[in-house]
Amino acid sequence: MRNVILGLTILFGLFAGIPAYALTVSPAKLEVTVDPGATYHGEIELFNEQAENKTFFSSFENFEPRGDSGAPYFIGAKDGLATWLSAAGEVTLAPSERVVVPFSITVPANTAPGGYFAAVFFGSQPPIAQGGGAVSIGGKIGVLILLRVSGEIEESGGLQELVAGDGQRFWGTMPITLSYRLNNEGGDRVVPTGEITIKNTFRLTSATLLANENGGSVLPGSTRKFTVLWGDEPIVNQGEEVQESFFGTVKKQWSDFHFGWYTARLHLVWGESSQTAEAKYHFFIIPWQLLLLVALLLIVLFVIGRFGLRRYNNHIISQAMQRQ
């Protein structure tokens, strides 16, 4: 449970400096390349948001991938990058004070080329010794360190699938969720780039979407799922998607009309060697609520028209008979 909570905390940090426990840490992520036997010097900025002096304690933990979400899973500091990191053990900040904390990474000379991953944490309580390393307890926040030890690094892996939703072929309304999985069996993380092109029944391009808009990484020895949304974000209330009413769905289908057979084609590039892969997925969009309402309106218009025509004919016949 501890690792899950830490993973969620750091996951938010992938996108911006995180205000938590009245402390803001930036940057949220550092990508570093260092030669074996060399030392890297960097800086982390801390900002105390509280109205009193606060002391924060540093600690380090390695992380690895678990599952396909891309969230880091922290595994302590027995060896690896967490043991190569050093920084001030504690930092005291005055109210609203901003401080730059230097840190360093010393890579052993016999380190194999590849990717190594850890986090520098700043917590509200002193770390405790656990499993051969110092692990922070209590509330804490950190910076992800993505280290690449230079040298010849093997790259392998590939694209596993491209689907819409959970593999469904029929959709009634937008948005449509497209997802793909990329496997990385190489020695360092990879950041895929590319596009998903969606073409309609007439082979005209309906949309072109970025395959990895947020620049997510796939760590070595893992498979990550990437999700791409075609259409506007659904409305969410208290963590649950708000279901549209029938007429709300019809309005959405009318304003963003799509109908027929569609093909999503993914073109992906990843790694230093620019490996490529392609996949495609076929699906149908049938806005049945809109079509049903249109059909009902046509039926009503047909009945009214037929009834009106009958009355008109009867009126003409009646007028003719009166003249005779």
C-alpha atoms as a PDB file:
ATOM      1  CA  MET A   1       0.000   0.000   0.000  1.00  0.00           C
ATOM      2  CA  ARG A   2       2.888   2.385   0.799  1.00  0.00           C
ATOM      3  CA  ASN A   3       4.312   1.945  -2.702  1.00  0.00           C
ATOM      4  CA  VAL A   4       0.934   2.505  -4.327  1.00  0.00           C
ATOM      5  CA  ILE A   5       0.433   5.800  -2.493  1.00  0.00           C
ATOM      6  CA  LEU A   6       3.924   6.960  -3.415  1.00  0.00           C
ATOM      7  CA  GLY A   7       3.358   6.005  -7.028  1.00  0.00           C
ATOM      8  CA  LEU A   8       0.201   8.104  -7.236  1.00  0.00           C
ATOM      9  CA  THR A   9       1.954  11.074  -5.624  1.00  0.00           C
ATOM     10  CA  ILE A  10       4.845  10.972  -8.083  1.00  0.00           C
ATOM     11  CA  LEU A  11       2.552  10.329 -11.036  1.00  0.00           C
ATOM     12  CA  PHE A  12       1.004  13.769 -10.529  1.00  0.00           C
ATOM     13  CA  GLY A  13       4.529  15.166 -10.472  1.00  0.00           C
ATOM     14  CA  LEU A  14       5.152  14.100 -14.061  1.00  0.00           C
ATOM     15  CA  PHE A  15       3.230  17.091 -15.327  1.00  0.00           C
ATOM     16  CA  ALA A  16       3.940  20.034 -13.019  1.00  0.00           C
ATOM     17  CA  GLY A  17       5.483  21.147  -9.747  1.00  0.00           C
ATOM     18  CA  ILE A  18       3.320  19.649  -7.006  1.00  0.00           C
ATOM     19  CA  PRO A  19       2.009  21.629  -4.074  1.00  0.00           C
ATOM     20  CA  ALA A  20       1.670  19.081  -1.246  1.00  0.00           C
ATOM     21  CA  TYR A  21       2.326  19.176   2.470  1.00  0.00           C
ATOM     22  CA  ALA A  22       2.756  22.954   1.951  1.00  0.00           C
ATOM     23  CA  LEU A  23       5.847  22.323  -0.171  1.00  0.00           C
ATOM     24  CA  THR A  24       6.337  22.830  -3.899  1.00  0.00           C
ATOM     25  CA  VAL A  25       9.178  20.940  -5.586  1.00  0.00           C
ATOM     26  CA  SER A  26      10.417  21.617  -9.105  1.00  0.00           C
ATOM     27  CA  PRO A  27      11.226  20.409 -11.639  1.00  0.00           C
ATOM     28  CA  ALA A  28       8.966  17.382 -11.372  1.00  0.00           C
ATOM     29  CA  LYS A  29      11.181  15.252 -13.619  1.00  0.00           C
ATOM     30  CA  LEU A  30      14.833  15.335 -14.639  1.00  0.00           C
ATOM     31  CA  GLU A  31      16.282  13.484 -17.637  1.00  0.00           C
ATOM     32  CA  VAL A  32      20.037  13.061 -17.284  1.00  0.00           C
ATOM     33  CA  THR A  33      22.795  11.384 -19.339  1.00  0.00           C
ATOM     34  CA  VAL A  34      26.059  10.575 -17.549  1.00  0.00           C
ATOM     35  CA  ASP A  35      29.175   8.626 -18.557  1.00  0.00           C
ATOM     36  CA  PRO A  36      30.312   5.678 -16.406  1.00  0.00           C
ATOM     37  CA  GLY A  37      32.653   6.959 -13.690  1.00  0.00           C
ATOM     38  CA  ALA A  38      31.447  10.567 -14.026  1.00  0.00           C
ATOM     39  CA  THR A  39      29.523  12.797 -11.629  1.00  0.00           C
ATOM     40  CA  TYR A  40      26.510  14.939 -12.500  1.00  0.00           C
ATOM     41  CA  HIS A  41      25.585  18.027 -10.485  1.00  0.00           C
ATOM     42  CA  GLY A  42      22.027  19.341 -10.522  1.00  0.00           C
ATOM     43  CA  GLU A  43      19.606  21.525  -8.586  1.00  0.00           C
ATOM     44  CA  ILE A  44      16.125  21.124  -7.137  1.00  0.00           C
ATOM     45  CA  GLU A  45      14.040  24.108  -6.057  1.00  0.00           C
ATOM     46  CA  LEU A  46      11.940  23.986  -2.883  1.00  0.00           C
ATOM     47  CA  PHE A  47       9.255  26.498  -1.932  1.00  0.00           C
ATOM     48  CA  ASN A  48       7.701  26.623   1.540  1.00  0.00           C
ATOM     49  CA  GLU A  49       4.045  27.638   1.268  1.00  0.00           C
ATOM     50  CA  GLN A  50       3.407  27.652   5.000  1.00  0.00           C
ATOM     51  CA  ALA A  51       3.429  30.679   7.290  1.00  0.00           C
ATOM     52  CA  GLU A  52       6.025  29.134   9.609  1.00  0.00           C
ATOM     53  CA  ASN A  53       9.512  27.685   9.460  1.00  0.00           C
ATOM     54  CA  LYS A  54       9.529  24.099   8.185  1.00  0.00           C
ATOM     55  CA  THR A  55      12.271  21.491   7.950  1.00  0.00           C
ATOM     56  CA  PHE A  56      12.216  18.894   5.198  1.00  0.00           C
ATOM     57  CA  PHE A  57      14.328  15.732   5.057  1.00  0.00           C
ATOM     58  CA  SER A  58      15.726  14.160   1.899  1.00  0.00           C
ATOM     59  CA  SER A  59      15.701  10.487   0.925  1.00  0.00           C
ATOM     60  CA  PHE A  60      16.128   8.428  -2.245  1.00  0.00           C
ATOM     61  CA  GLU A  61      14.286   5.438  -3.718  1.00  0.00           C
ATOM     62  CA  ASN A  62      14.556   3.446  -6.910  1.00  0.00           C
ATOM     63  CA  PHE A  63      11.430   2.765  -8.904  1.00  0.00           C
ATOM     64  CA  GLU A  64      10.376   0.254 -11.543  1.00  0.00           C
ATOM     65  CA  PRO A  65       7.324  -0.291 -13.757  1.00  0.00           C
ATOM     66  CA  ARG A  66       4.317  -2.251 -12.539  1.00  0.00           C
ATOM     67  CA  GLY A  67       1.272  -2.887 -14.699  1.00  0.00           C
ATOM     68  CA  ASP A  68       0.649  -0.974 -17.922  1.00  0.00           C
ATOM     69  CA  SER A  69      -0.339   2.449 -16.565  1.00  0.00           C
ATOM     70  CA  GLY A  70       3.188   3.898 -16.481  1.00  0.00           C
ATOM     71  CA  ALA A  71       2.925   4.767 -12.775  1.00  0.00           C
ATOM     72  CA  PRO A  72       6.246   4.241 -10.927  1.00  0.00           C
ATOM     73  CA  TYR A  73       6.462   1.581  -8.220  1.00  0.00           C
ATOM     74  CA  PHE A  74       9.020   2.386  -5.540  1.00  0.00           C
ATOM     75  CA  ILE A  75      11.317  -0.389  -4.344  1.00  0.00           C
ATOM     76  CA  GLY A  76      13.668   1.182  -1.797  1.00  0.00           C
ATOM     77  CA  ALA A  77      17.359   2.047  -2.036  1.00  0.00           C
ATOM     78  CA  LYS A  78      19.403  -1.152  -1.672  1.00  0.00           C
ATOM     79  CA  ASP A  79      21.474  -0.512  -4.789  1.00  0.00           C
ATOM     80  CA  GLY A  80      21.394   1.245  -8.158  1.00  0.00           C
ATOM     81  CA  LEU A  81      20.699   4.910  -8.785  1.00  0.00           C
ATOM     82  CA  ALA A  82      19.262   5.568  -5.328  1.00  0.00           C
ATOM     83  CA  THR A  83      22.678   4.770  -3.835  1.00  0.00           C
ATOM     84  CA  TRP A  84      24.502   7.028  -6.314  1.00  0.00           C
ATOM     85  CA  LEU A  85      22.470  10.112  -5.328  1.00  0.00           C
ATOM     86  CA  SER A  86      23.482  12.596  -2.648  1.00  0.00           C
ATOM     87  CA  ALA A  87      21.938  15.812  -1.313  1.00  0.00           C
ATOM     88  CA  ALA A  88      21.645  17.752   1.910  1.00  0.00           C
ATOM     89  CA  GLY A  89      20.041  15.571   4.581  1.00  0.00           C
ATOM     90  CA  GLU A  90      17.687  18.319   5.722  1.00  0.00           C
ATOM     91  CA  VAL A  91      16.636  21.771   4.593  1.00  0.00           C
ATOM     92  CA  THR A  92      14.904  24.418   6.737  1.00  0.00           C
ATOM     93  CA  LEU A  93      12.834  27.047   4.956  1.00  0.00           C
ATOM     94  CA  ALA A  94      11.353  30.262   6.325  1.00  0.00           C
ATOM     95  CA  PRO A  95       7.742  31.150   5.451  1.00  0.00           C
ATOM     96  CA  SER A  96       7.337  31.632   1.684  1.00  0.00           C
ATOM     97  CA  GLU A  97      11.067  31.029   1.211  1.00  0.00           C
ATOM     98  CA  ARG A  98      12.382  29.545  -2.031  1.00  0.00           C
ATOM     99  CA  VAL A  99      15.633  27.562  -1.827  1.00  0.00           C
ATOM    100  CA  VAL A 100      17.764  25.808  -4.439  1.00  0.00           C
ATOM    101  CA  VAL A 101      19.069  22.467  -3.168  1.00  0.00           C
ATOM    102  CA  PRO A 102      22.094  21.026  -5.026  1.00  0.00           C
ATOM    103  CA  PHE A 103      22.344  17.288  -5.560  1.00  0.00           C
ATOM    104  CA  SER A 104      24.759  14.991  -7.351  1.00  0.00           C
ATOM    105  CA  ILE A 105      24.825  11.628  -9.096  1.00  0.00           C
ATOM    106  CA  THR A 106      28.091   9.689  -9.047  1.00  0.00           C
ATOM    107  CA  VAL A 107      27.967   6.776 -11.491  1.00  0.00           C
ATOM    108  CA  PRO A 108      30.366   3.904 -10.707  1.00  0.00           C
ATOM    109  CA  ALA A 109      32.980   3.285 -13.406  1.00  0.00           C
ATOM    110  CA  ASN A 110      31.825  -0.309 -14.004  1.00  0.00           C
ATOM    111  CA  THR A 111      28.165   0.599 -14.559  1.00  0.00           C
ATOM    112  CA  ALA A 112      26.606  -1.003 -17.618  1.00  0.00           C
ATOM    113  CA  PRO A 113      25.061   1.356 -20.186  1.00  0.00           C
ATOM    114  CA  GLY A 114      21.301   1.688 -19.907  1.00  0.00           C
ATOM    115  CA  GLY A 115      18.495   3.335 -17.997  1.00  0.00           C
ATOM    116  CA  TYR A 116      18.358   3.759 -14.216  1.00  0.00           C
ATOM    117  CA  PHE A 117      15.441   5.322 -12.355  1.00  0.00           C
ATOM    118  CA  ALA A 118      14.965   6.799  -8.889  1.00  0.00           C
ATOM    119  CA  ALA A 119      13.363   9.704  -7.046  1.00  0.00           C
ATOM    120  CA  VAL A 120      14.715  12.366  -4.674  1.00  0.00           C
ATOM    121  CA  PHE A 121      12.141  12.817  -1.919  1.00  0.00           C
ATOM    122  CA  PHE A 122      11.646  15.639   0.574  1.00  0.00           C
ATOM    123  CA  GLY A 123       9.534  14.621   3.539  1.00  0.00           C
ATOM    124  CA  SER A 124       8.168  16.136   6.708  1.00  0.00           C
ATOM    125  CA  GLN A 125       9.835  13.497   8.912  1.00  0.00           C
ATOM    126  CA  PRO A 126      13.388  12.113   9.067  1.00  0.00           C
ATOM    127  CA  PRO A 127      13.924   8.976   6.972  1.00  0.00           C
ATOM    128  CA  ILE A 128      14.447   5.616   8.633  1.00  0.00           C
ATOM    129  CA  ALA A 129      16.828   2.825   7.667  1.00  0.00           C
ATOM    130  CA  GLN A 130      14.986   0.095   5.801  1.00  0.00           C
ATOM    131  CA  GLY A 131      16.284  -2.678   3.571  1.00  0.00           C
ATOM    132  CA  GLY A 132      19.784  -1.269   3.285  1.00  0.00           C
ATOM    133  CA  GLY A 133      18.747   2.317   2.499  1.00  0.00           C
ATOM    134  CA  ALA A 134      17.150   5.397   4.032  1.00  0.00           C
ATOM    135  CA  VAL A 135      13.418   5.563   3.311  1.00  0.00           C
ATOM    136  CA  SER A 136      11.334   8.615   4.127  1.00  0.00           C
ATOM    137  CA  ILE A 137       8.161   8.240   6.175  1.00  0.00           C
ATOM    138  CA  GLY A 138       5.134  10.474   6.548  1.00  0.00           C
ATOM    139  CA  GLY A 139       4.128  13.002   3.932  1.00  0.00           C
ATOM    140  CA  LYS A 140       6.671  13.475   1.179  1.00  0.00           C
ATOM    141  CA  ILE A 141       7.039  14.717  -2.368  1.00  0.00           C
ATOM    142  CA  GLY A 142       9.739  14.106  -4.922  1.00  0.00           C
ATOM    143  CA  VAL A 143      11.450  14.581  -8.236  1.00  0.00           C
ATOM    144  CA  LEU A 144      11.818  11.714 -10.692  1.00  0.00           C
ATOM    145  CA  ILE A 145      15.379  11.147 -11.915  1.00  0.00           C
ATOM    146  CA  LEU A 146      15.576   9.382 -15.290  1.00  0.00           C
ATOM    147  CA  LEU A 147      19.254   8.533 -15.781  1.00  0.00           C
ATOM    148  CA  ARG A 148      20.811   7.212 -18.957  1.00  0.00           C
ATOM    149  CA  VAL A 149      24.305   5.819 -18.541  1.00  0.00           C
ATOM    150  CA  SER A 150      25.932   6.407 -21.909  1.00  0.00           C
ATOM    151  CA  GLY A 151      27.265   3.634 -24.093  1.00  0.00           C
ATOM    152  CA  GLU A 152      25.922   1.088 -26.532  1.00  0.00           C
ATOM    153  CA  ILE A 153      22.392   0.240 -25.394  1.00  0.00           C
ATOM    154  CA  GLU A 154      20.309  -2.515 -26.949  1.00  0.00           C
ATOM    155  CA  GLU A 155      16.863  -1.507 -28.203  1.00  0.00           C
ATOM    156  CA  SER A 156      14.116  -4.033 -28.781  1.00  0.00           C
ATOM    157  CA  GLY A 157      10.387  -4.345 -28.339  1.00  0.00           C
ATOM    158  CA  GLY A 158       7.364  -3.589 -30.409  1.00  0.00           C
ATOM    159  CA  LEU A 159       3.778  -2.511 -30.796  1.00  0.00           C
ATOM    160  CA  GLN A 160       1.326  -5.040 -29.385  1.00  0.00           C
ATOM    161  CA  GLU A 161      -2.125  -3.762 -30.315  1.00  0.00           C
ATOM    162  CA  LEU A 162      -4.345  -0.882 -31.327  1.00  0.00           C
ATOM    163  CA  VAL A 163      -7.999  -0.955 -30.265  1.00  0.00           C
ATOM    164  CA  ALA A 164     -10.969   1.304 -29.679  1.00  0.00           C
ATOM    165  CA  GLY A 165     -12.407   1.049 -26.189  1.00  0.00           C
ATOM    166  CA  ASP A 166     -12.126  -2.548 -25.010  1.00  0.00           C
ATOM    167  CA  GLY A 167     -12.074  -3.811 -28.564  1.00  0.00           C
ATOM    168  CA  GLN A 168     -15.564  -2.717 -29.515  1.00  0.00           C
ATOM    169  CA  ARG A 169     -16.421  -2.126 -33.154  1.00  0.00           C
ATOM    170  CA  PHE A 170     -19.628  -0.099 -32.845  1.00  0.00           C
ATOM    171  CA  TRP A 171     -19.933   3.376 -31.329  1.00  0.00           C
ATOM    172  CA  GLY A 172     -22.975   5.559 -30.968  1.00  0.00           C
ATOM    173  CA  THR A 173     -21.456   8.909 -30.108  1.00  0.00           C
ATOM    174  CA  MET A 174     -18.217  10.761 -29.486  1.00  0.00           C
ATOM    175  CA  PRO A 175     -15.734  10.727 -27.840  1.00  0.00           C
ATOM    176  CA  ILE A 176     -14.012   7.531 -28.938  1.00  0.00           C
ATOM    177  CA  THR A 177     -11.134   6.156 -26.900  1.00  0.00           C
ATOM    178  CA  LEU A 178      -8.265   4.636 -28.854  1.00  0.00           C
ATOM    179  CA  SER A 179      -5.453   2.823 -27.067  1.00  0.00           C
ATOM    180  CA  TYR A 180      -2.285   0.973 -27.936  1.00  0.00           C
ATOM    181  CA  ARG A 181       0.371  -0.958 -26.019  1.00  0.00           C
ATOM    182  CA  LEU A 182       4.096  -0.655 -26.591  1.00  0.00           C
ATOM    183  CA  ASN A 183       6.521  -3.229 -25.239  1.00  0.00           C
ATOM    184  CA  ASN A 184      10.106  -2.261 -24.340  1.00  0.00           C
ATOM    185  CA  GLU A 185      12.653  -5.064 -24.008  1.00  0.00           C
ATOM    186  CA  GLY A 186      15.662  -2.773 -24.442  1.00  0.00           C
ATOM    187  CA  GLY A 187      18.096  -1.389 -21.897  1.00  0.00           C
ATOM    188  CA  ASP A 188      16.668   2.129 -21.499  1.00  0.00           C
ATOM    189  CA  ARG A 189      13.322   3.864 -21.496  1.00  0.00           C
ATOM    190  CA  VAL A 190      11.780   4.930 -24.784  1.00  0.00           C
ATOM    191  CA  VAL A 191       9.392   7.783 -25.551  1.00  0.00           C
ATOM    192  CA  PRO A 192       7.186   6.927 -28.543  1.00  0.00           C
ATOM    193  CA  THR A 193       6.079   9.610 -30.975  1.00  0.00           C
ATOM    194  CA  GLY A 194       3.738   9.485 -33.932  1.00  0.00           C
ATOM    195  CA  GLU A 195       0.153   9.993 -35.018  1.00  0.00           C
ATOM    196  CA  ILE A 196      -3.170   8.236 -35.293  1.00  0.00           C
ATOM    197  CA  THR A 197      -4.940   9.138 -38.534  1.00  0.00           C
ATOM    198  CA  ILE A 198      -8.675   8.451 -38.728  1.00  0.00           C
ATOM    199  CA  LYS A 199     -10.342   8.142 -42.126  1.00  0.00           C
ATOM    200  CA  ASN A 200     -14.050   7.876 -42.878  1.00  0.00           C
ATOM    201  CA  THR A 201     -16.025   5.728 -45.313  1.00  0.00           C
ATOM    202  CA  PHE A 202     -14.922   7.848 -48.266  1.00  0.00           C
ATOM    203  CA  ARG A 203     -11.232   7.555 -47.190  1.00  0.00           C
ATOM    204  CA  LEU A 204     -11.151  11.234 -46.243  1.00  0.00           C
ATOM    205  CA  THR A 205      -9.226  12.194 -43.111  1.00  0.00           C
ATOM    206  CA  SER A 206     -11.583  12.950 -40.229  1.00  0.00           C
ATOM    207  CA  ALA A 207      -8.906  13.535 -37.574  1.00  0.00           C
ATOM    208  CA  THR A 208      -5.171  13.382 -36.921  1.00  0.00           C
ATOM    209  CA  LEU A 209      -4.242  12.749 -33.274  1.00  0.00           C
ATOM    210  CA  LEU A 210      -0.894  12.753 -31.457  1.00  0.00           C
ATOM    211  CA  ALA A 211      -0.007   9.254 -30.311  1.00  0.00           C
ATOM    212  CA  ASN A 212       1.807  10.417 -27.146  1.00  0.00           C
ATOM    213  CA  GLU A 213       0.836  14.007 -26.442  1.00  0.00           C
ATOM    214  CA  ASN A 214       2.160  14.013 -22.854  1.00  0.00           C
ATOM    215  CA  GLY A 215       5.539  12.452 -23.704  1.00  0.00           C
ATOM    216  CA  GLY A 216       5.075   9.334 -21.564  1.00  0.00           C
ATOM    217  CA  SER A 217       7.944   6.846 -21.268  1.00  0.00           C
ATOM    218  CA  VAL A 218       8.039   3.068 -21.474  1.00  0.00           C
ATOM    219  CA  LEU A 219      10.567   1.733 -18.972  1.00  0.00           C
ATOM    220  CA  PRO A 220      12.770  -1.269 -19.774  1.00  0.00           C
ATOM    221  CA  GLY A 221      11.159  -4.670 -19.279  1.00  0.00           C
ATOM    222  CA  SER A 222       7.623  -3.309 -19.340  1.00  0.00           C
ATOM    223  CA  THR A 223       4.605  -2.763 -21.545  1.00  0.00           C
ATOM    224  CA  ARG A 224       2.715   0.514 -21.307  1.00  0.00           C
ATOM    225  CA  LYS A 225      -0.769   1.362 -22.434  1.00  0.00           C
ATOM    226  CA  PHE A 226      -1.277   4.734 -24.123  1.00  0.00           C
ATOM    227  CA  THR A 227      -4.753   6.214 -24.494  1.00  0.00           C
ATOM    228  CA  VAL A 228      -5.741   8.747 -27.158  1.00  0.00           C
ATOM    229  CA  LEU A 229      -9.131  10.468 -27.146  1.00  0.00           C
ATOM    230  CA  TRP A 230     -10.945  11.429 -30.347  1.00  0.00           C
ATOM    231  CA  GLY A 231     -13.499  14.075 -29.415  1.00  0.00           C
ATOM    232  CA  ASP A 232     -14.138  16.264 -26.410  1.00  0.00           C
ATOM    233  CA  GLU A 233     -13.342  15.076 -22.914  1.00  0.00           C
ATOM    234  CA  PRO A 234     -16.397  13.555 -21.181  1.00  0.00           C
ATOM    235  CA  ILE A 235     -17.887  15.441 -18.254  1.00  0.00           C
ATOM    236  CA  VAL A 236     -16.757  13.907 -14.954  1.00  0.00           C
ATOM    237  CA  ASN A 237     -18.405  14.465 -11.580  1.00  0.00           C
ATOM    238  CA  GLN A 238     -16.800  13.074  -8.401  1.00  0.00           C
ATOM    239  CA  GLY A 239     -14.660  10.707 -10.422  1.00  0.00           C
ATOM    240  CA  GLU A 240     -17.506   9.262 -12.485  1.00  0.00           C
ATOM    241  CA  GLU A 241     -18.450  10.087 -16.051  1.00  0.00           C
ATOM    242  CA  VAL A 242     -21.757  11.960 -16.306  1.00  0.00           C
ATOM    243  CA  GLN A 243     -24.208  10.158 -18.569  1.00  0.00           C
ATOM    244  CA  GLU A 244     -25.883  12.353 -21.180  1.00  0.00           C
ATOM    245  CA  SER A 245     -29.668  12.386 -21.504  1.00  0.00           C
ATOM    246  CA  PHE A 246     -31.231  11.101 -24.736  1.00  0.00           C
ATOM    247  CA  PHE A 247     -31.698  14.581 -26.157  1.00  0.00           C
ATOM    248  CA  GLY A 248     -28.288  15.668 -24.848  1.00  0.00           C
ATOM    249  CA  THR A 249     -26.753  12.799 -26.793  1.00  0.00           C
ATOM    250  CA  VAL A 250     -28.764  13.736 -29.890  1.00  0.00           C
ATOM    251  CA  LYS A 251     -27.530  17.326 -29.631  1.00  0.00           C
ATOM    252  CA  LYS A 252     -23.923  16.129 -29.374  1.00  0.00           C
ATOM    253  CA  GLN A 253     -24.362  13.784 -32.347  1.00  0.00           C
ATOM    254  CA  TRP A 254     -25.847  16.591 -34.422  1.00  0.00           C
ATOM    255  CA  SER A 255     -23.111  19.114 -33.586  1.00  0.00           C
ATOM    256  CA  ASP A 256     -20.294  16.598 -34.164  1.00  0.00           C
ATOM    257  CA  PHE A 257     -21.831  14.330 -36.775  1.00  0.00           C
ATOM    258  CA  HIS A 258     -20.048  11.126 -37.737  1.00  0.00           C
ATOM    259  CA  PHE A 259     -21.589   8.138 -39.460  1.00  0.00           C
ATOM    260  CA  GLY A 260     -20.232   5.062 -41.210  1.00  0.00           C
ATOM    261  CA  TRP A 261     -17.141   2.891 -41.323  1.00  0.00           C
ATOM    262  CA  TYR A 262     -13.898   4.367 -39.989  1.00  0.00           C
ATOM    263  CA  THR A 263     -10.272   3.270 -39.972  1.00  0.00           C
ATOM    264  CA  ALA A 264      -7.745   4.369 -37.344  1.00  0.00           C
ATOM    265  CA  ARG A 265      -4.148   3.980 -38.524  1.00  0.00           C
ATOM    266  CA  LEU A 266      -1.296   4.335 -36.033  1.00  0.00           C
ATOM    267  CA  HIS A 267       2.242   5.245 -37.116  1.00  0.00           C
ATOM    268  CA  LEU A 268       4.731   5.050 -34.262  1.00  0.00           C
ATOM    269  CA  VAL A 269       8.446   5.885 -33.905  1.00  0.00           C
ATOM    270  CA  TRP A 270      10.553   5.193 -30.804  1.00  0.00           C
ATOM    271  CA  GLY A 271      14.110   4.742 -29.556  1.00  0.00           C
ATOM    272  CA  GLU A 272      17.471   6.189 -30.526  1.00  0.00           C
ATOM    273  CA  SER A 273      17.473   3.958 -33.622  1.00  0.00           C
ATOM    274  CA  SER A 274      14.045   5.325 -34.683  1.00  0.00           C
ATOM    275  CA  GLN A 275      12.244   2.007 -34.773  1.00  0.00           C
ATOM    276  CA  THR A 276       8.838   2.189 -36.413  1.00  0.00           C
ATOM    277  CA  ALA A 277       5.592   0.273 -36.294  1.00  0.00           C
ATOM    278  CA  GLU A 278       2.130   0.610 -37.799  1.00  0.00           C
ATOM    279  CA  ALA A 279      -1.277  -0.772 -36.921  1.00  0.00           C
ATOM    280  CA  LYS A 280      -4.861  -0.125 -37.957  1.00  0.00           C
ATOM    281  CA  TYR A 281      -8.278  -0.690 -36.467  1.00  0.00           C
ATOM    282  CA  HIS A 282     -11.711  -0.606 -38.114  1.00  0.00           C
ATOM    283  CA  PHE A 283     -14.897   0.487 -36.358  1.00  0.00           C
ATOM    284  CA  PHE A 284     -18.365   1.843 -37.075  1.00  0.00           C
ATOM    285  CA  ILE A 285     -20.017   5.003 -35.785  1.00  0.00           C
ATOM    286  CA  ILE A 286     -23.811   4.737 -35.845  1.00  0.00           C
ATOM    287  CA  PRO A 287     -25.499   7.657 -34.037  1.00  0.00           C
ATOM    288  CA  TRP A 288     -28.646   5.629 -33.452  1.00  0.00           C
ATOM    289  CA  GLN A 289     -30.285   8.166 -31.119  1.00  0.00           C
ATOM    290  CA  LEU A 290     -30.079  10.870 -33.793  1.00  0.00           C
ATOM    291  CA  LEU A 291     -31.130   8.474 -36.546  1.00  0.00           C
ATOM    292  CA  LEU A 292     -34.064   7.262 -34.450  1.00  0.00           C
ATOM    293  CA  LEU A 293     -35.248  10.813 -33.810  1.00  0.00           C
ATOM    294  CA  VAL A 294     -34.905  11.694 -37.507  1.00  0.00           C
ATOM    295  CA  ALA A 295     -36.824   8.540 -38.468  1.00  0.00           C
ATOM    296  CA  LEU A 296     -39.623   9.402 -36.031  1.00  0.00           C
ATOM    297  CA  LEU A 297     -39.815  12.951 -37.390  1.00  0.00           C
ATOM    298  CA  LEU A 298     -39.990  11.619 -40.962  1.00  0.00           C
ATOM    299  CA  ILE A 299     -42.752   9.224 -39.984  1.00  0.00           C
ATOM    300  CA  VAL A 300     -44.692  12.037 -38.318  1.00  0.00           C
ATOM    301  CA  LEU A 301     -44.204  14.275 -41.352  1.00  0.00           C
ATOM    302  CA  PHE A 302     -45.282  11.436 -43.660  1.00  0.00           C
ATOM    303  CA  VAL A 303     -48.463  10.788 -41.651  1.00  0.00           C
ATOM    304  CA  ILE A 304     -49.289  14.486 -41.458  1.00  0.00           C
ATOM    305  CA  GLY A 305     -48.565  14.933 -45.141  1.00  0.00           C
ATOM    306  CA  ARG A 306     -50.650  11.928 -46.142  1.00  0.00           C
ATOM    307  CA  PHE A 307     -53.537  13.028 -43.943  1.00  0.00           C
ATOM    308  CA  GLY A 308     -53.304  16.571 -45.299  1.00  0.00           C
ATOM    309  CA  LEU A 309     -53.185  15.326 -48.891  1.00  0.00           C
ATOM    310  CA  ARG A 310     -56.242  13.160 -48.308  1.00  0.00           C
ATOM    311  CA  ARG A 311     -58.182  16.089 -46.874  1.00  0.00           C
ATOM    312  CA  TYR A 312     -57.079  18.256 -49.774  1.00  0.00           C
ATOM    313  CA  ASN A 313     -58.257  15.670 -52.315  1.00  0.00           C
ATOM    314  CA  ASN A 314     -61.562  15.291 -50.513  1.00  0.00           C
ATOM    315  CA  HIS A 315     -61.964  19.062 -50.573  1.00  0.00           C
ATOM    316  CA  ILE A 316     -61.287  19.219 -54.327  1.00  0.00           C
ATOM    317  CA  ILE A 317     -63.766  16.415 -54.983  1.00  0.00           C
ATOM    318  CA  SER A 318     -66.370  18.128 -52.810  1.00  0.00           C
ATOM    319  CA  GLN A 319     -65.910  21.419 -54.683  1.00  0.00           C
ATOM    320  CA  ALA A 320     -66.238  19.666 -58.044  1.00  0.00           C
ATOM    321  CA  MET A 321     -69.441  17.914 -57.016  1.00  0.00           C
ATOM    322  CA  GLN A 322     -70.981  21.196 -55.818  1.00  0.00           C
ATOM    323  CA  ARG A 323     -70.281  22.837 -59.177  1.00  0.00           C
ATOM    324  CA  GLN A 324     -72.010  19.970 -60.988  1.00  0.00           C
END
